[in-house]
Amino acid sequence: MAASNANKDPADLDQIRADLDALRKDVKSLVDHIGEASSEGAKSARKAAKDGIEQAGSRIEEAYESGRDTLRTELNRNPLLVVGGSFLVGLLIGRTLFR
């Protein structure tokens, strides 16, 4: 094996070196492209998460406003219920504090 390496033509060695250099450049280019692709994927995932959070926030806000409006409507229909409920809550707090 060592004898066959010693008999190699210098032109063959130069060709092998050139091929290795080309291979190194190709691998470096491939690594760069993979890095760019993963960066773009992370950006799109971040944007999708941000959009999802914004949609959830708007849904929560709509539900809160709807619930608040419903509560106001019911309280305006039954003001006696509000007074009675407030009285009971005050009574429970008073009994709890003065024991």
N, C-alpha and C. Protein backbone atom coordinates (compact mmCIF):
# COMPACT_ATOMS: atom_id res chain seq x y z
N MET A 1 0.83 -1.18 0.00
CA MET A 1 0.00 0.00 0.00
C MET A 1 0.88 1.24 0.00
N ALA A 2 1.91 1.23 0.84
CA ALA A 2 2.80 2.36 0.89
C ALA A 2 3.54 2.51 -0.42
N ALA A 3 3.84 1.40 -1.06
CA ALA A 3 4.54 1.45 -2.33
C ALA A 3 3.66 2.06 -3.40
N SER A 4 2.35 1.78 -3.36
CA SER A 4 1.46 2.33 -4.38
C SER A 4 1.28 3.83 -4.17
N ASN A 5 1.31 4.32 -2.92
CA ASN A 5 1.22 5.75 -2.67
C ASN A 5 2.48 6.48 -3.13
N ALA A 6 3.63 5.82 -3.01
CA ALA A 6 4.89 6.43 -3.42
C ALA A 6 4.95 6.57 -4.93
N ASN A 7 4.27 5.70 -5.67
CA ASN A 7 4.32 5.72 -7.12
C ASN A 7 3.28 6.65 -7.74
N LYS A 8 2.48 7.37 -6.94
CA LYS A 8 1.43 8.24 -7.47
C LYS A 8 2.08 9.39 -8.22
N ASP A 9 1.45 9.78 -9.26
CA ASP A 9 1.90 10.91 -10.08
C ASP A 9 1.56 12.21 -9.36
N PRO A 10 2.43 13.20 -9.34
CA PRO A 10 2.13 14.47 -8.69
C PRO A 10 0.87 15.14 -9.28
N ALA A 11 0.58 14.88 -10.52
CA ALA A 11 -0.63 15.45 -11.12
C ALA A 11 -1.87 14.84 -10.48
N ASP A 12 -1.80 13.54 -10.15
CA ASP A 12 -2.91 12.88 -9.47
C ASP A 12 -3.12 13.48 -8.08
N LEU A 13 -2.02 13.74 -7.37
CA LEU A 13 -2.11 14.33 -6.03
C LEU A 13 -2.70 15.74 -6.11
N ASP A 14 -2.29 16.48 -7.13
CA ASP A 14 -2.85 17.82 -7.31
C ASP A 14 -4.35 17.75 -7.59
N GLN A 15 -4.74 16.78 -8.36
CA GLN A 15 -6.18 16.60 -8.67
C GLN A 15 -6.96 16.23 -7.41
N ILE A 16 -6.37 15.36 -6.58
CA ILE A 16 -7.02 14.97 -5.33
C ILE A 16 -7.16 16.19 -4.41
N ARG A 17 -6.10 17.01 -4.33
CA ARG A 17 -6.16 18.22 -3.51
C ARG A 17 -7.25 19.17 -4.03
N ALA A 18 -7.33 19.32 -5.33
CA ALA A 18 -8.35 20.20 -5.92
C ALA A 18 -9.75 19.67 -5.63
N ASP A 19 -9.90 18.34 -5.74
CA ASP A 19 -11.20 17.74 -5.43
C ASP A 19 -11.57 17.95 -3.96
N LEU A 20 -10.60 17.80 -3.06
CA LEU A 20 -10.84 18.01 -1.63
C LEU A 20 -11.23 19.47 -1.35
N ASP A 21 -10.54 20.39 -2.02
CA ASP A 21 -10.88 21.81 -1.84
C ASP A 21 -12.30 22.09 -2.33
N ALA A 22 -12.67 21.51 -3.46
CA ALA A 22 -14.02 21.70 -4.00
C ALA A 22 -15.05 21.08 -3.04
N LEU A 23 -14.73 19.93 -2.49
CA LEU A 23 -15.62 19.28 -1.54
C LEU A 23 -15.80 20.14 -0.28
N ARG A 24 -14.69 20.72 0.22
CA ARG A 24 -14.78 21.60 1.39
C ARG A 24 -15.69 22.79 1.09
N LYS A 25 -15.54 23.40 -0.09
CA LYS A 25 -16.37 24.54 -0.46
C LYS A 25 -17.84 24.14 -0.54
N ASP A 26 -18.10 22.97 -1.12
CA ASP A 26 -19.48 22.49 -1.22
C ASP A 26 -20.09 22.24 0.16
N VAL A 27 -19.33 21.64 1.05
CA VAL A 27 -19.83 21.38 2.40
C VAL A 27 -20.10 22.69 3.13
N LYS A 28 -19.18 23.66 2.99
CA LYS A 28 -19.38 24.96 3.63
C LYS A 28 -20.63 25.64 3.07
N SER A 29 -20.82 25.57 1.78
CA SER A 29 -22.00 26.16 1.16
C SER A 29 -23.28 25.48 1.66
N LEU A 30 -23.23 24.17 1.78
CA LEU A 30 -24.38 23.42 2.27
C LEU A 30 -24.70 23.80 3.71
N VAL A 31 -23.70 23.92 4.55
CA VAL A 31 -23.92 24.31 5.95
C VAL A 31 -24.52 25.72 6.00
N ASP A 32 -24.03 26.62 5.18
CA ASP A 32 -24.58 27.99 5.15
C ASP A 32 -26.04 27.98 4.74
N HIS A 33 -26.38 27.20 3.73
CA HIS A 33 -27.77 27.11 3.27
C HIS A 33 -28.68 26.51 4.33
N ILE A 34 -28.19 25.51 5.03
CA ILE A 34 -28.99 24.90 6.10
C ILE A 34 -29.24 25.91 7.21
N GLY A 35 -28.22 26.69 7.55
CA GLY A 35 -28.37 27.73 8.57
C GLY A 35 -29.40 28.77 8.17
N GLU A 36 -29.37 29.20 6.91
CA GLU A 36 -30.34 30.18 6.42
C GLU A 36 -31.76 29.60 6.44
N ALA A 37 -31.90 28.36 6.03
CA ALA A 37 -33.23 27.73 6.00
C ALA A 37 -33.79 27.59 7.40
N SER A 38 -32.96 27.19 8.35
CA SER A 38 -33.47 27.04 9.72
C SER A 38 -33.81 28.39 10.32
N SER A 39 -33.06 29.42 9.96
CA SER A 39 -33.36 30.77 10.45
C SER A 39 -34.70 31.25 9.90
N GLU A 40 -34.96 30.99 8.62
CA GLU A 40 -36.24 31.38 8.02
C GLU A 40 -37.39 30.59 8.63
N GLY A 41 -37.16 29.31 8.93
CA GLY A 41 -38.19 28.49 9.57
C GLY A 41 -38.51 29.00 10.97
N ALA A 42 -37.49 29.41 11.69
CA ALA A 42 -37.71 29.95 13.04
C ALA A 42 -38.48 31.26 12.97
N LYS A 43 -38.17 32.09 11.97
CA LYS A 43 -38.89 33.35 11.82
C LYS A 43 -40.37 33.11 11.52
N SER A 44 -40.65 32.16 10.64
CA SER A 44 -42.06 31.89 10.31
C SER A 44 -42.79 31.27 11.50
N ALA A 45 -42.11 30.43 12.27
CA ALA A 45 -42.74 29.84 13.46
C ALA A 45 -43.02 30.92 14.50
N ARG A 46 -42.08 31.86 14.66
CA ARG A 46 -42.28 32.97 15.59
C ARG A 46 -43.47 33.82 15.16
N LYS A 47 -43.58 34.10 13.87
CA LYS A 47 -44.68 34.91 13.36
C LYS A 47 -46.01 34.19 13.56
N ALA A 48 -46.04 32.89 13.31
CA ALA A 48 -47.27 32.13 13.50
C ALA A 48 -47.69 32.12 14.97
N ALA A 49 -46.73 31.99 15.87
CA ALA A 49 -47.04 32.01 17.31
C ALA A 49 -47.57 33.38 17.72
N LYS A 50 -46.95 34.43 17.20
CA LYS A 50 -47.40 35.79 17.52
C LYS A 50 -48.82 36.02 17.02
N ASP A 51 -49.10 35.56 15.80
CA ASP A 51 -50.46 35.70 15.26
C ASP A 51 -51.48 34.93 16.11
N GLY A 52 -51.11 33.73 16.53
CA GLY A 52 -52.00 32.93 17.37
C GLY A 52 -52.28 33.59 18.70
N ILE A 53 -51.25 34.19 19.29
CA ILE A 53 -51.43 34.88 20.57
C ILE A 53 -52.33 36.10 20.40
N GLU A 54 -52.14 36.83 19.30
CA GLU A 54 -52.99 38.00 19.05
C GLU A 54 -54.45 37.59 18.85
N GLN A 55 -54.68 36.50 18.13
CA GLN A 55 -56.05 36.02 17.93
C GLN A 55 -56.68 35.59 19.26
N ALA A 56 -55.91 34.88 20.07
CA ALA A 56 -56.43 34.45 21.37
C ALA A 56 -56.75 35.65 22.25
N GLY A 57 -55.89 36.65 22.22
CA GLY A 57 -56.12 37.86 23.00
C GLY A 57 -57.39 38.58 22.56
N SER A 58 -57.61 38.66 21.26
CA SER A 58 -58.82 39.33 20.79
C SER A 58 -60.07 38.52 21.15
N ARG A 59 -59.99 37.20 21.12
CA ARG A 59 -61.13 36.37 21.52
C ARG A 59 -61.44 36.54 23.01
N ILE A 60 -60.40 36.59 23.81
CA ILE A 60 -60.60 36.78 25.26
C ILE A 60 -61.23 38.14 25.52
N GLU A 61 -60.75 39.15 24.83
CA GLU A 61 -61.30 40.49 25.00
C GLU A 61 -62.77 40.54 24.60
N GLU A 62 -63.12 39.89 23.49
CA GLU A 62 -64.51 39.84 23.05
C GLU A 62 -65.38 39.11 24.07
N ALA A 63 -64.88 37.99 24.61
CA ALA A 63 -65.64 37.23 25.61
C ALA A 63 -65.83 38.05 26.88
N TYR A 64 -64.81 38.78 27.29
CA TYR A 64 -64.92 39.62 28.48
C TYR A 64 -65.98 40.71 28.27
N GLU A 65 -65.92 41.37 27.12
CA GLU A 65 -66.90 42.43 26.84
C GLU A 65 -68.31 41.88 26.76
N SER A 66 -68.47 40.72 26.15
CA SER A 66 -69.78 40.10 26.05
C SER A 66 -70.31 39.74 27.44
N GLY A 67 -69.47 39.15 28.27
CA GLY A 67 -69.87 38.78 29.62
C GLY A 67 -70.22 40.00 30.46
N ARG A 68 -69.42 41.05 30.31
CA ARG A 68 -69.68 42.28 31.05
C ARG A 68 -71.02 42.89 30.64
N ASP A 69 -71.29 42.89 29.33
CA ASP A 69 -72.56 43.44 28.85
C ASP A 69 -73.75 42.61 29.34
N THR A 70 -73.59 41.30 29.34
CA THR A 70 -74.66 40.42 29.82
C THR A 70 -74.91 40.66 31.31
N LEU A 71 -73.85 40.79 32.08
CA LEU A 71 -73.99 41.04 33.51
C LEU A 71 -74.69 42.38 33.77
N ARG A 72 -74.31 43.40 33.04
CA ARG A 72 -74.96 44.71 33.20
C ARG A 72 -76.45 44.63 32.87
N THR A 73 -76.78 43.91 31.81
CA THR A 73 -78.18 43.77 31.41
C THR A 73 -78.97 43.08 32.51
N GLU A 74 -78.43 41.99 33.04
CA GLU A 74 -79.12 41.25 34.10
C GLU A 74 -79.24 42.08 35.38
N LEU A 75 -78.21 42.84 35.69
CA LEU A 75 -78.27 43.67 36.89
C LEU A 75 -79.29 44.79 36.74
N ASN A 76 -79.44 45.32 35.54
CA ASN A 76 -80.44 46.36 35.31
C ASN A 76 -81.86 45.78 35.35
N ARG A 77 -82.01 44.52 34.97
CA ARG A 77 -83.33 43.88 35.02
C ARG A 77 -83.73 43.54 36.44
N ASN A 78 -82.77 43.15 37.28
CA ASN A 78 -83.06 42.68 38.64
C ASN A 78 -82.22 43.44 39.66
N PRO A 79 -82.50 44.70 39.90
CA PRO A 79 -81.69 45.45 40.86
C PRO A 79 -81.85 44.93 42.29
N LEU A 80 -83.01 44.37 42.60
CA LEU A 80 -83.22 43.83 43.93
C LEU A 80 -82.29 42.65 44.21
N LEU A 81 -82.03 41.89 43.19
CA LEU A 81 -81.10 40.76 43.30
C LEU A 81 -79.70 41.27 43.66
N VAL A 82 -79.30 42.37 43.08
CA VAL A 82 -77.98 42.94 43.37
C VAL A 82 -77.91 43.41 44.81
N VAL A 83 -78.94 44.08 45.27
CA VAL A 83 -78.96 44.56 46.66
C VAL A 83 -78.94 43.38 47.62
N GLY A 84 -79.74 42.36 47.35
CA GLY A 84 -79.78 41.16 48.21
C GLY A 84 -78.45 40.43 48.22
N GLY A 85 -77.85 40.29 47.06
CA GLY A 85 -76.55 39.61 46.97
C GLY A 85 -75.48 40.38 47.72
N SER A 86 -75.48 41.69 47.57
CA SER A 86 -74.50 42.52 48.28
C SER A 86 -74.70 42.41 49.78
N PHE A 87 -75.95 42.39 50.23
CA PHE A 87 -76.24 42.25 51.66
C PHE A 87 -75.70 40.93 52.20
N LEU A 88 -75.94 39.85 51.45
CA LEU A 88 -75.47 38.53 51.91
C LEU A 88 -73.95 38.46 51.95
N VAL A 89 -73.30 39.02 50.96
CA VAL A 89 -71.83 39.00 50.95
C VAL A 89 -71.30 39.80 52.13
N GLY A 90 -71.89 40.98 52.40
CA GLY A 90 -71.48 41.78 53.55
C GLY A 90 -71.70 41.06 54.86
N LEU A 91 -72.83 40.36 54.97
CA LEU A 91 -73.14 39.60 56.17
C LEU A 91 -72.12 38.50 56.40
N LEU A 92 -71.77 37.77 55.34
CA LEU A 92 -70.77 36.70 55.47
C LEU A 92 -69.40 37.24 55.86
N ILE A 93 -69.01 38.35 55.26
CA ILE A 93 -67.71 38.95 55.60
C ILE A 93 -67.71 39.42 57.05
N GLY A 94 -68.80 40.05 57.47
CA GLY A 94 -68.91 40.53 58.85
C GLY A 94 -68.85 39.40 59.85
N ARG A 95 -69.56 38.33 59.61
CA ARG A 95 -69.53 37.18 60.53
C ARG A 95 -68.15 36.55 60.58
N THR A 96 -67.47 36.49 59.45
CA THR A 96 -66.16 35.88 59.41
C THR A 96 -65.14 36.74 60.16
N LEU A 97 -65.22 38.05 60.00
CA LEU A 97 -64.25 38.94 60.65
C LEU A 97 -64.44 39.06 62.14
N PHE A 98 -65.67 38.98 62.63
CA PHE A 98 -65.94 39.23 64.05
C PHE A 98 -66.09 37.94 64.85
N ARG A 99 -65.55 36.88 64.44
CA ARG A 99 -65.58 35.63 65.20
C ARG A 99 -64.37 35.50 66.05
